[in-house]
Amino acid sequence: MSIFENILQILEKSDIPYKLIEHEPVFTMEQAAEICNHKPEQGVKTLLTKLYTTKRQFEYWLIVWQGDEQIPFTDICSKLDFKRSKLARPEEVIDILGIEIGALAPFGYDTEYLVIFDKRLLEQEQVFINAGVHDKTIALAPDDLQTAVEQNALRFILS
């Protein structure tokens, strides 16, 4: 099953209401906001990040963040006692998640992941997530997004 199909299955099994928006392929948060007609802060940015516990030891984390904001990697590392952070390379993202950069979803993968979730997303009326493909976006309530991410996370941290 594809990540897109996994996402829909998770939402339906959890009785989470959502709206599927089909559109031309988009590759940036700005394009997605324009084509889906939402505010930039309603977009959900998901990044696969390496957080280092030592110079060579690291853990992969999904960072689920408000789309119009820079991710405060230094603050995250400090709060969670990591030494440094580094974004996963495009090849790593494909190898690990089976998905291209620009289409990362906050949940729906075959493996559970460690997740850092931006609590400011919960202040939005509605949020818009990548659906694992470049030509579909899913709109849902922020609390429902949190529920879906938490249910599919190995560890969930609200930041």
N, C-alpha and C. Protein backbone atom coordinates (compact mmCIF):
# COMPACT_ATOMS: atom_id res chain seq x y z
N MET A 1 0.84 -1.17 0.00
CA MET A 1 0.00 0.00 0.00
C MET A 1 0.90 1.25 0.00
N SER A 2 0.52 2.27 -0.74
CA SER A 2 1.30 3.51 -0.81
C SER A 2 1.10 4.33 0.47
N ILE A 3 1.97 5.30 0.67
CA ILE A 3 1.83 6.19 1.83
C ILE A 3 0.50 6.92 1.75
N PHE A 4 0.14 7.37 0.56
CA PHE A 4 -1.15 8.06 0.37
C PHE A 4 -2.30 7.16 0.82
N GLU A 5 -2.29 5.90 0.39
CA GLU A 5 -3.35 4.96 0.79
C GLU A 5 -3.32 4.71 2.30
N ASN A 6 -2.11 4.61 2.87
CA ASN A 6 -1.99 4.43 4.32
C ASN A 6 -2.61 5.60 5.07
N ILE A 7 -2.34 6.81 4.61
CA ILE A 7 -2.89 8.01 5.26
C ILE A 7 -4.41 7.97 5.26
N LEU A 8 -4.98 7.71 4.09
CA LEU A 8 -6.45 7.66 3.99
C LEU A 8 -7.01 6.56 4.89
N GLN A 9 -6.36 5.42 4.93
CA GLN A 9 -6.82 4.31 5.77
C GLN A 9 -6.77 4.69 7.25
N ILE A 10 -5.70 5.34 7.67
CA ILE A 10 -5.57 5.77 9.06
C ILE A 10 -6.67 6.75 9.42
N LEU A 11 -6.91 7.72 8.55
CA LEU A 11 -7.95 8.72 8.81
C LEU A 11 -9.33 8.08 8.89
N GLU A 12 -9.60 7.16 7.97
CA GLU A 12 -10.92 6.53 7.95
C GLU A 12 -11.11 5.59 9.13
N LYS A 13 -10.09 4.81 9.48
CA LYS A 13 -10.21 3.91 10.64
C LYS A 13 -10.39 4.67 11.94
N SER A 14 -9.82 5.87 12.00
CA SER A 14 -9.92 6.69 13.22
C SER A 14 -11.13 7.61 13.19
N ASP A 15 -11.96 7.49 12.15
CA ASP A 15 -13.13 8.37 11.99
C ASP A 15 -12.76 9.85 12.03
N ILE A 16 -11.64 10.18 11.42
CA ILE A 16 -11.19 11.58 11.35
C ILE A 16 -11.71 12.19 10.06
N PRO A 17 -12.52 13.25 10.18
CA PRO A 17 -13.01 13.92 8.98
C PRO A 17 -11.88 14.68 8.29
N TYR A 18 -11.88 14.66 6.97
CA TYR A 18 -10.84 15.34 6.20
C TYR A 18 -11.39 15.71 4.83
N LYS A 19 -10.69 16.59 4.18
CA LYS A 19 -11.03 16.96 2.81
C LYS A 19 -9.81 16.70 1.95
N LEU A 20 -9.98 15.93 0.89
CA LEU A 20 -8.91 15.64 -0.06
C LEU A 20 -8.96 16.67 -1.18
N ILE A 21 -7.85 17.33 -1.40
CA ILE A 21 -7.75 18.34 -2.46
C ILE A 21 -6.79 17.80 -3.52
N GLU A 22 -7.31 17.59 -4.72
CA GLU A 22 -6.47 17.15 -5.83
C GLU A 22 -6.11 18.38 -6.66
N HIS A 23 -4.85 18.47 -7.08
CA HIS A 23 -4.36 19.67 -7.77
C HIS A 23 -3.15 19.32 -8.62
N GLU A 24 -2.67 20.31 -9.35
CA GLU A 24 -1.45 20.10 -10.12
C GLU A 24 -0.30 19.87 -9.13
N PRO A 25 0.76 19.20 -9.53
CA PRO A 25 1.87 18.94 -8.61
C PRO A 25 2.48 20.23 -8.05
N VAL A 26 2.74 20.21 -6.73
CA VAL A 26 3.42 21.32 -6.06
C VAL A 26 4.65 20.76 -5.34
N PHE A 27 5.64 21.64 -5.17
CA PHE A 27 6.91 21.20 -4.58
C PHE A 27 7.40 22.09 -3.45
N THR A 28 6.66 23.16 -3.16
CA THR A 28 7.05 24.05 -2.06
C THR A 28 5.82 24.39 -1.21
N MET A 29 6.07 24.87 -0.01
CA MET A 29 4.98 25.29 0.87
C MET A 29 4.22 26.47 0.26
N GLU A 30 4.94 27.36 -0.40
CA GLU A 30 4.32 28.52 -1.01
C GLU A 30 3.37 28.10 -2.14
N GLN A 31 3.81 27.17 -2.98
CA GLN A 31 2.95 26.68 -4.06
C GLN A 31 1.70 26.01 -3.49
N ALA A 32 1.88 25.22 -2.46
CA ALA A 32 0.74 24.51 -1.86
C ALA A 32 -0.27 25.49 -1.28
N ALA A 33 0.22 26.52 -0.59
CA ALA A 33 -0.68 27.51 0.00
C ALA A 33 -1.47 28.24 -1.08
N GLU A 34 -0.80 28.57 -2.15
CA GLU A 34 -1.47 29.29 -3.24
C GLU A 34 -2.51 28.43 -3.94
N ILE A 35 -2.13 27.21 -4.29
CA ILE A 35 -3.05 26.36 -5.06
C ILE A 35 -4.20 25.83 -4.21
N CYS A 36 -3.96 25.63 -2.90
CA CYS A 36 -5.02 25.13 -2.01
C CYS A 36 -5.76 26.27 -1.31
N ASN A 37 -5.32 27.49 -1.56
CA ASN A 37 -5.98 28.68 -1.04
C ASN A 37 -6.07 28.68 0.49
N HIS A 38 -4.93 28.51 1.13
CA HIS A 38 -4.88 28.61 2.59
C HIS A 38 -3.76 29.54 3.01
N LYS A 39 -3.81 29.97 4.25
CA LYS A 39 -2.77 30.84 4.81
C LYS A 39 -1.49 30.03 4.97
N PRO A 40 -0.33 30.67 4.78
CA PRO A 40 0.94 29.94 4.92
C PRO A 40 1.08 29.23 6.27
N GLU A 41 0.58 29.85 7.35
CA GLU A 41 0.73 29.23 8.67
C GLU A 41 -0.14 27.99 8.85
N GLN A 42 -1.08 27.76 7.94
CA GLN A 42 -1.92 26.56 8.01
C GLN A 42 -1.28 25.35 7.34
N GLY A 43 -0.23 25.60 6.58
CA GLY A 43 0.49 24.49 5.95
C GLY A 43 1.32 23.75 6.97
N VAL A 44 1.50 22.47 6.75
CA VAL A 44 2.28 21.64 7.67
C VAL A 44 3.54 21.17 6.95
N LYS A 45 4.66 21.57 7.51
CA LYS A 45 5.97 21.19 6.98
C LYS A 45 6.44 19.96 7.73
N THR A 46 6.86 18.93 7.00
CA THR A 46 7.38 17.72 7.63
C THR A 46 8.78 17.45 7.08
N LEU A 47 9.74 17.32 7.98
CA LEU A 47 11.12 17.08 7.59
C LEU A 47 11.67 15.86 8.33
N LEU A 48 12.45 15.07 7.63
CA LEU A 48 13.18 13.97 8.27
C LEU A 48 14.54 14.53 8.67
N THR A 49 14.82 14.46 9.97
CA THR A 49 16.00 15.10 10.53
C THR A 49 16.79 14.10 11.35
N LYS A 50 18.10 14.25 11.30
CA LYS A 50 18.98 13.46 12.16
C LYS A 50 19.31 14.32 13.38
N LEU A 51 19.00 13.81 14.55
CA LEU A 51 19.37 14.49 15.78
C LEU A 51 20.47 13.66 16.44
N TYR A 52 21.60 14.29 16.66
CA TYR A 52 22.79 13.59 17.13
C TYR A 52 22.91 13.59 18.64
N THR A 53 23.12 12.38 19.20
CA THR A 53 23.36 12.24 20.63
C THR A 53 24.86 12.33 20.94
N THR A 54 25.70 11.95 19.97
CA THR A 54 27.15 12.10 20.04
C THR A 54 27.62 12.58 18.67
N LYS A 55 28.91 12.65 18.51
CA LYS A 55 29.45 13.13 17.22
C LYS A 55 29.01 12.27 16.05
N ARG A 56 28.85 10.95 16.29
CA ARG A 56 28.51 10.03 15.20
C ARG A 56 27.16 9.33 15.37
N GLN A 57 26.64 9.28 16.57
CA GLN A 57 25.38 8.60 16.85
C GLN A 57 24.20 9.56 16.69
N PHE A 58 23.19 9.11 15.96
CA PHE A 58 22.02 9.97 15.76
C PHE A 58 20.76 9.13 15.70
N GLU A 59 19.64 9.82 15.81
CA GLU A 59 18.31 9.21 15.67
C GLU A 59 17.58 10.00 14.59
N TYR A 60 16.80 9.29 13.79
CA TYR A 60 15.95 9.98 12.82
C TYR A 60 14.67 10.43 13.52
N TRP A 61 14.30 11.66 13.31
CA TRP A 61 13.07 12.24 13.85
C TRP A 61 12.30 12.91 12.72
N LEU A 62 10.99 12.80 12.74
CA LEU A 62 10.15 13.60 11.86
C LEU A 62 9.82 14.88 12.63
N ILE A 63 10.06 16.01 12.00
CA ILE A 63 9.68 17.28 12.60
C ILE A 63 8.48 17.80 11.82
N VAL A 64 7.38 17.99 12.54
CA VAL A 64 6.11 18.43 11.96
C VAL A 64 5.90 19.86 12.44
N TRP A 65 6.01 20.82 11.50
CA TRP A 65 6.11 22.22 11.89
C TRP A 65 5.17 23.11 11.09
N GLN A 66 4.88 24.25 11.67
CA GLN A 66 4.06 25.25 10.99
C GLN A 66 4.78 25.70 9.72
N GLY A 67 4.06 25.68 8.59
CA GLY A 67 4.67 25.87 7.29
C GLY A 67 5.35 27.17 7.01
N ASP A 68 4.95 28.25 7.66
CA ASP A 68 5.55 29.54 7.36
C ASP A 68 6.70 29.89 8.31
N GLU A 69 7.08 28.99 9.18
CA GLU A 69 8.11 29.26 10.18
C GLU A 69 9.37 28.42 9.93
N GLN A 70 10.50 29.03 10.25
CA GLN A 70 11.75 28.28 10.24
C GLN A 70 11.77 27.36 11.46
N ILE A 71 12.31 26.21 11.29
CA ILE A 71 12.39 25.27 12.41
C ILE A 71 13.59 25.67 13.28
N PRO A 72 13.38 25.86 14.57
CA PRO A 72 14.46 26.27 15.48
C PRO A 72 15.30 25.06 15.92
N PHE A 73 16.11 24.56 15.01
CA PHE A 73 16.87 23.34 15.29
C PHE A 73 17.73 23.46 16.54
N THR A 74 18.36 24.59 16.74
CA THR A 74 19.22 24.78 17.92
C THR A 74 18.39 24.66 19.20
N ASP A 75 17.23 25.29 19.23
CA ASP A 75 16.36 25.20 20.41
C ASP A 75 15.88 23.78 20.65
N ILE A 76 15.51 23.09 19.58
CA ILE A 76 15.04 21.71 19.70
C ILE A 76 16.16 20.84 20.28
N CYS A 77 17.36 20.98 19.73
CA CYS A 77 18.49 20.19 20.23
C CYS A 77 18.75 20.48 21.70
N SER A 78 18.71 21.73 22.07
CA SER A 78 18.96 22.12 23.45
C SER A 78 17.91 21.54 24.39
N LYS A 79 16.63 21.68 24.04
CA LYS A 79 15.53 21.18 24.89
C LYS A 79 15.57 19.67 25.06
N LEU A 80 15.96 18.97 24.00
CA LEU A 80 15.91 17.50 24.04
C LEU A 80 17.28 16.87 24.28
N ASP A 81 18.27 17.70 24.59
CA ASP A 81 19.61 17.24 24.93
C ASP A 81 20.31 16.52 23.77
N PHE A 82 20.15 17.05 22.57
CA PHE A 82 20.91 16.56 21.42
C PHE A 82 22.05 17.51 21.16
N LYS A 83 23.12 17.00 20.57
CA LYS A 83 24.32 17.80 20.32
C LYS A 83 24.15 18.70 19.10
N ARG A 84 23.52 18.16 18.04
CA ARG A 84 23.32 18.93 16.81
C ARG A 84 22.28 18.23 15.95
N SER A 85 21.91 18.89 14.87
CA SER A 85 20.92 18.33 13.95
C SER A 85 21.40 18.48 12.52
N LYS A 86 20.84 17.67 11.66
CA LYS A 86 21.16 17.73 10.24
C LYS A 86 19.98 17.15 9.48
N LEU A 87 19.57 17.82 8.41
CA LEU A 87 18.49 17.28 7.60
C LEU A 87 18.95 16.02 6.88
N ALA A 88 18.07 15.06 6.78
CA ALA A 88 18.38 13.85 6.02
C ALA A 88 18.54 14.24 4.55
N ARG A 89 19.48 13.62 3.88
CA ARG A 89 19.69 13.87 2.44
C ARG A 89 18.51 13.30 1.65
N PRO A 90 18.23 13.86 0.48
CA PRO A 90 17.11 13.37 -0.34
C PRO A 90 17.15 11.85 -0.55
N GLU A 91 18.34 11.29 -0.75
CA GLU A 91 18.47 9.85 -0.95
C GLU A 91 18.07 9.08 0.31
N GLU A 92 18.44 9.61 1.47
CA GLU A 92 18.07 8.98 2.74
C GLU A 92 16.55 8.99 2.92
N VAL A 93 15.93 10.11 2.59
CA VAL A 93 14.48 10.23 2.74
C VAL A 93 13.79 9.17 1.88
N ILE A 94 14.24 9.02 0.66
CA ILE A 94 13.65 8.01 -0.23
C ILE A 94 13.90 6.61 0.32
N ASP A 95 15.14 6.34 0.74
CA ASP A 95 15.48 5.00 1.26
C ASP A 95 14.71 4.66 2.53
N ILE A 96 14.58 5.63 3.43
CA ILE A 96 13.98 5.37 4.74
C ILE A 96 12.46 5.46 4.72
N LEU A 97 11.93 6.52 4.08
CA LEU A 97 10.49 6.74 4.09
C LEU A 97 9.80 6.29 2.80
N GLY A 98 10.58 6.11 1.74
CA GLY A 98 9.99 5.72 0.46
C GLY A 98 9.23 6.86 -0.21
N ILE A 99 9.70 8.08 0.00
CA ILE A 99 8.98 9.26 -0.49
C ILE A 99 9.97 10.36 -0.85
N GLU A 100 9.58 11.19 -1.80
CA GLU A 100 10.44 12.30 -2.22
C GLU A 100 10.29 13.48 -1.27
N ILE A 101 11.37 14.25 -1.16
CA ILE A 101 11.30 15.52 -0.43
C ILE A 101 10.25 16.38 -1.12
N GLY A 102 9.50 17.12 -0.33
CA GLY A 102 8.44 17.96 -0.87
C GLY A 102 7.09 17.28 -0.82
N ALA A 103 7.08 15.99 -0.48
CA ALA A 103 5.80 15.26 -0.37
C ALA A 103 5.69 14.56 0.99
N LEU A 104 6.64 14.83 1.90
CA LEU A 104 6.62 14.15 3.19
C LEU A 104 5.33 14.43 3.95
N ALA A 105 4.74 13.37 4.41
CA ALA A 105 3.52 13.45 5.23
C ALA A 105 3.92 13.30 6.70
N PRO A 106 3.12 13.83 7.60
CA PRO A 106 3.44 13.70 9.03
C PRO A 106 3.14 12.33 9.62
N PHE A 107 2.49 11.45 8.87
CA PHE A 107 2.20 10.09 9.31
C PHE A 107 1.87 9.26 8.07
N GLY A 108 1.69 7.95 8.26
CA GLY A 108 1.31 7.08 7.15
C GLY A 108 2.40 6.15 6.68
N TYR A 109 3.51 6.11 7.39
CA TYR A 109 4.63 5.26 6.99
C TYR A 109 4.48 3.87 7.59
N ASP A 110 5.19 2.91 7.03
CA ASP A 110 5.12 1.53 7.51
C ASP A 110 5.80 1.36 8.86
N THR A 111 6.68 2.27 9.20
CA THR A 111 7.42 2.21 10.46
C THR A 111 7.01 3.39 11.33
N GLU A 112 6.96 3.21 12.63
CA GLU A 112 6.69 4.31 13.55
C GLU A 112 7.95 5.16 13.68
N TYR A 113 7.77 6.48 13.84
CA TYR A 113 8.91 7.37 13.96
C TYR A 113 8.80 8.23 15.20
N LEU A 114 9.94 8.73 15.62
CA LEU A 114 10.01 9.71 16.67
C LEU A 114 9.54 11.03 16.04
N VAL A 115 8.67 11.76 16.73
CA VAL A 115 8.07 12.95 16.14
C VAL A 115 8.15 14.14 17.10
N ILE A 116 8.55 15.28 16.55
CA ILE A 116 8.47 16.56 17.25
C ILE A 116 7.40 17.35 16.54
N PHE A 117 6.39 17.79 17.28
CA PHE A 117 5.18 18.42 16.72
C PHE A 117 5.08 19.85 17.22
N ASP A 118 4.98 20.80 16.31
CA ASP A 118 4.86 22.22 16.65
C ASP A 118 3.48 22.51 17.22
N LYS A 119 3.43 22.87 18.49
CA LYS A 119 2.14 23.11 19.16
C LYS A 119 1.38 24.29 18.56
N ARG A 120 2.06 25.19 17.84
CA ARG A 120 1.37 26.32 17.21
C ARG A 120 0.40 25.87 16.12
N LEU A 121 0.62 24.67 15.59
CA LEU A 121 -0.33 24.14 14.59
C LEU A 121 -1.72 23.98 15.21
N LEU A 122 -1.77 23.72 16.50
CA LEU A 122 -3.04 23.49 17.19
C LEU A 122 -3.86 24.78 17.32
N GLU A 123 -3.25 25.91 17.06
CA GLU A 123 -3.95 27.20 17.13
C GLU A 123 -4.70 27.52 15.83
N GLN A 124 -4.44 26.75 14.78
CA GLN A 124 -5.07 27.01 13.49
C GLN A 124 -6.49 26.45 13.45
N GLU A 125 -7.31 27.05 12.62
CA GLU A 125 -8.68 26.56 12.43
C GLU A 125 -8.68 25.25 11.65
N GLN A 126 -7.77 25.17 10.68
CA GLN A 126 -7.63 23.99 9.82
C GLN A 126 -6.18 23.94 9.38
N VAL A 127 -5.67 22.73 9.15
CA VAL A 127 -4.30 22.57 8.65
C VAL A 127 -4.32 21.74 7.37
N PHE A 128 -3.24 21.88 6.60
CA PHE A 128 -3.14 21.23 5.30
C PHE A 128 -1.83 20.44 5.26
N ILE A 129 -1.95 19.13 5.01
CA ILE A 129 -0.77 18.26 5.02
C ILE A 129 -0.50 17.69 3.64
N ASN A 130 0.78 17.40 3.40
CA ASN A 130 1.15 16.64 2.21
C ASN A 130 0.58 15.24 2.39
N ALA A 131 0.16 14.67 1.29
CA ALA A 131 -0.46 13.34 1.34
C ALA A 131 0.45 12.25 0.80
N GLY A 132 1.75 12.51 0.79
CA GLY A 132 2.68 11.51 0.30
C GLY A 132 2.90 11.57 -1.20
N VAL A 133 2.21 12.48 -1.86
CA VAL A 133 2.35 12.70 -3.31
C VAL A 133 2.30 14.20 -3.55
N HIS A 134 2.79 14.63 -4.69
CA HIS A 134 2.86 16.07 -4.98
C HIS A 134 1.55 16.67 -5.46
N ASP A 135 0.58 15.84 -5.82
CA ASP A 135 -0.65 16.37 -6.42
C ASP A 135 -1.90 16.19 -5.57
N LYS A 136 -1.71 15.95 -4.27
CA LYS A 136 -2.85 15.82 -3.36
C LYS A 136 -2.48 16.44 -2.02
N THR A 137 -3.44 17.13 -1.44
CA THR A 137 -3.27 17.73 -0.12
C THR A 137 -4.50 17.36 0.70
N ILE A 138 -4.29 17.18 2.00
CA ILE A 138 -5.39 16.84 2.89
C ILE A 138 -5.59 17.96 3.90
N ALA A 139 -6.83 18.43 4.00
CA ALA A 139 -7.20 19.44 4.99
C ALA A 139 -7.92 18.74 6.14
N LEU A 140 -7.56 19.11 7.37
CA LEU A 140 -8.21 18.53 8.53
C LEU A 140 -8.04 19.44 9.74
N ALA A 141 -8.76 19.13 10.80
CA ALA A 141 -8.66 19.91 12.03
C ALA A 141 -7.31 19.61 12.69
N PRO A 142 -6.69 20.61 13.30
CA PRO A 142 -5.38 20.40 13.93
C PRO A 142 -5.38 19.34 15.02
N ASP A 143 -6.45 19.27 15.83
CA ASP A 143 -6.51 18.25 16.87
C ASP A 143 -6.53 16.85 16.25
N ASP A 144 -7.21 16.72 15.12
CA ASP A 144 -7.25 15.43 14.43
C ASP A 144 -5.87 15.07 13.86
N LEU A 145 -5.16 16.08 13.37
CA LEU A 145 -3.79 15.83 12.90
C LEU A 145 -2.94 15.32 14.06
N GLN A 146 -3.03 15.99 15.20
CA GLN A 146 -2.26 15.56 16.36
C GLN A 146 -2.60 14.12 16.73
N THR A 147 -3.87 13.78 16.74
CA THR A 147 -4.30 12.42 17.07
C THR A 147 -3.69 11.41 16.10
N ALA A 148 -3.77 11.68 14.80
CA ALA A 148 -3.24 10.75 13.80
C ALA A 148 -1.73 10.59 13.93
N VAL A 149 -1.04 11.70 14.16
CA VAL A 149 0.42 11.63 14.30
C VAL A 149 0.79 10.86 15.56
N GLU A 150 0.14 11.17 16.68
CA GLU A 150 0.44 10.49 17.95
C GLU A 150 0.19 8.98 17.85
N GLN A 151 -0.89 8.59 17.18
CA GLN A 151 -1.22 7.17 17.06
C GLN A 151 -0.18 6.41 16.25
N ASN A 152 0.54 7.12 15.39
CA ASN A 152 1.50 6.47 14.50
C ASN A 152 2.95 6.80 14.83
N ALA A 153 3.18 7.39 16.00
CA ALA A 153 4.53 7.78 16.40
C ALA A 153 5.09 6.80 17.42
N LEU A 154 6.36 6.53 17.30
CA LEU A 154 7.06 5.73 18.30
C LEU A 154 7.19 6.54 19.59
N ARG A 155 7.47 7.82 19.43
CA ARG A 155 7.53 8.77 20.55
C ARG A 155 7.06 10.10 20.01
N PHE A 156 6.26 10.83 20.76
CA PHE A 156 5.68 12.09 20.32
C PHE A 156 6.02 13.18 21.32
N ILE A 157 6.61 14.27 20.82
CA ILE A 157 6.94 15.40 21.68
C ILE A 157 6.26 16.64 21.12
N LEU A 158 5.49 17.31 21.94
CA LEU A 158 4.85 18.56 21.56
C LEU A 158 5.83 19.68 21.91
N SER A 159 6.22 20.46 20.92
CA SER A 159 7.22 21.49 21.15
C SER A 159 6.69 22.88 20.84
